[in-house]
């Protein structure tokens, strides 16, 4: 039962990390593309 909750918390942490890394990696790329398109 404890192992199940640890696994659940780990998956939640990985999901949150994935969201943050997605925004960290892709938002600058999107901003760069917008800047390049405007020039």
N, C-alpha and C. Protein backbone atom coordinates (compact mmCIF):
# COMPACT_ATOMS: atom_id res chain seq x y z
N UNK A 1 0.84 -1.20 0.00
CA UNK A 1 0.00 0.00 0.00
C UNK A 1 0.87 1.25 0.00
N UNK A 2 1.94 1.21 0.79
CA UNK A 2 2.86 2.34 0.85
C UNK A 2 3.58 2.50 -0.48
N UNK A 3 3.96 1.37 -1.08
CA UNK A 3 4.64 1.40 -2.35
C UNK A 3 3.76 2.02 -3.43
N UNK A 4 2.46 1.73 -3.37
CA UNK A 4 1.52 2.27 -4.33
C UNK A 4 1.44 3.80 -4.23
N UNK A 5 1.40 4.32 -3.00
CA UNK A 5 1.31 5.76 -2.83
C UNK A 5 2.61 6.45 -3.24
N UNK A 6 3.73 5.80 -2.99
CA UNK A 6 5.02 6.35 -3.42
C UNK A 6 5.09 6.41 -4.95
N UNK A 7 4.61 5.36 -5.59
CA UNK A 7 4.58 5.31 -7.05
C UNK A 7 3.67 6.40 -7.61
N UNK A 8 2.54 6.60 -6.94
CA UNK A 8 1.58 7.63 -7.35
C UNK A 8 2.18 9.03 -7.21
N UNK A 9 2.84 9.28 -6.08
CA UNK A 9 3.48 10.58 -5.86
C UNK A 9 4.61 10.82 -6.86
N UNK A 10 5.34 9.75 -7.19
CA UNK A 10 6.42 9.87 -8.16
C UNK A 10 5.87 10.23 -9.54
N UNK A 11 4.76 9.61 -9.92
CA UNK A 11 4.17 9.91 -11.22
C UNK A 11 3.63 11.34 -11.25
N UNK A 12 3.09 11.81 -10.13
CA UNK A 12 2.63 13.20 -10.06
C UNK A 12 3.80 14.16 -10.20
N UNK A 13 4.91 13.86 -9.53
CA UNK A 13 6.09 14.70 -9.60
C UNK A 13 6.66 14.73 -11.01
N UNK A 14 6.66 13.58 -11.68
CA UNK A 14 7.16 13.51 -13.06
C UNK A 14 6.26 14.29 -14.01
N UNK A 15 4.95 14.23 -13.77
CA UNK A 15 4.02 14.99 -14.60
C UNK A 15 4.25 16.49 -14.44
N UNK A 16 4.42 16.93 -13.20
CA UNK A 16 4.67 18.35 -12.93
C UNK A 16 6.00 18.78 -13.55
N UNK A 17 7.01 17.93 -13.43
CA UNK A 17 8.32 18.23 -14.01
C UNK A 17 8.23 18.31 -15.53
N UNK A 18 7.44 17.41 -16.12
CA UNK A 18 7.27 17.42 -17.57
C UNK A 18 6.59 18.70 -18.03
N UNK A 19 5.59 19.15 -17.28
CA UNK A 19 4.91 20.41 -17.63
C UNK A 19 5.87 21.58 -17.55
N UNK A 20 6.65 21.62 -16.48
CA UNK A 20 7.58 22.74 -16.31
C UNK A 20 8.69 22.72 -17.36
N UNK A 21 9.21 21.52 -17.65
CA UNK A 21 10.26 21.44 -18.66
C UNK A 21 9.70 21.74 -20.04
N UNK A 22 8.43 21.38 -20.28
CA UNK A 22 7.79 21.72 -21.56
C UNK A 22 7.75 23.22 -21.74
N UNK A 23 7.30 23.93 -20.70
CA UNK A 23 7.21 25.38 -20.81
C UNK A 23 8.60 26.01 -20.89
N UNK A 24 9.55 25.44 -20.15
CA UNK A 24 10.91 26.00 -20.18
C UNK A 24 11.57 25.80 -21.53
N UNK A 25 11.31 24.66 -22.18
CA UNK A 25 11.97 24.38 -23.45
C UNK A 25 11.23 24.96 -24.65
N UNK A 26 9.90 24.93 -24.62
CA UNK A 26 9.15 25.30 -25.82
C UNK A 26 8.74 26.75 -25.87
N UNK A 27 8.50 27.40 -24.73
CA UNK A 27 8.12 28.81 -24.78
C UNK A 27 9.20 29.70 -25.39
N UNK A 28 10.49 29.54 -25.05
CA UNK A 28 11.52 30.32 -25.74
C UNK A 28 11.57 30.03 -27.24
N UNK A 29 11.35 28.78 -27.64
CA UNK A 29 11.36 28.44 -29.07
C UNK A 29 10.21 29.12 -29.80
N UNK A 30 9.04 29.12 -29.18
CA UNK A 30 7.87 29.77 -29.78
C UNK A 30 8.12 31.27 -29.88
N UNK A 31 8.66 31.86 -28.82
CA UNK A 31 8.96 33.30 -28.83
C UNK A 31 9.99 33.63 -29.90
N UNK A 32 11.00 32.78 -30.05
CA UNK A 32 12.03 32.99 -31.07
C UNK A 32 11.44 32.91 -32.47
N UNK A 33 10.52 31.96 -32.69
CA UNK A 33 9.88 31.84 -33.99
C UNK A 33 9.02 33.05 -34.30
N UNK A 34 8.32 33.58 -33.29
CA UNK A 34 7.51 34.78 -33.50
C UNK A 34 8.40 35.97 -33.85
N UNK A 35 9.52 36.11 -33.17
CA UNK A 35 10.46 37.20 -33.45
C UNK A 35 11.02 37.07 -34.86
N UNK A 36 11.37 35.84 -35.25
CA UNK A 36 11.91 35.61 -36.59
C UNK A 36 10.86 35.87 -37.67
N UNK A 37 9.60 35.54 -37.39
CA UNK A 37 8.54 35.77 -38.36
C UNK A 37 8.25 37.26 -38.54
N UNK A 38 8.44 38.04 -37.49
CA UNK A 38 8.13 39.47 -37.58
C UNK A 38 9.21 40.23 -38.34
N UNK A 39 10.43 39.71 -38.36
CA UNK A 39 11.52 40.41 -39.06
C UNK A 39 11.43 40.24 -40.57
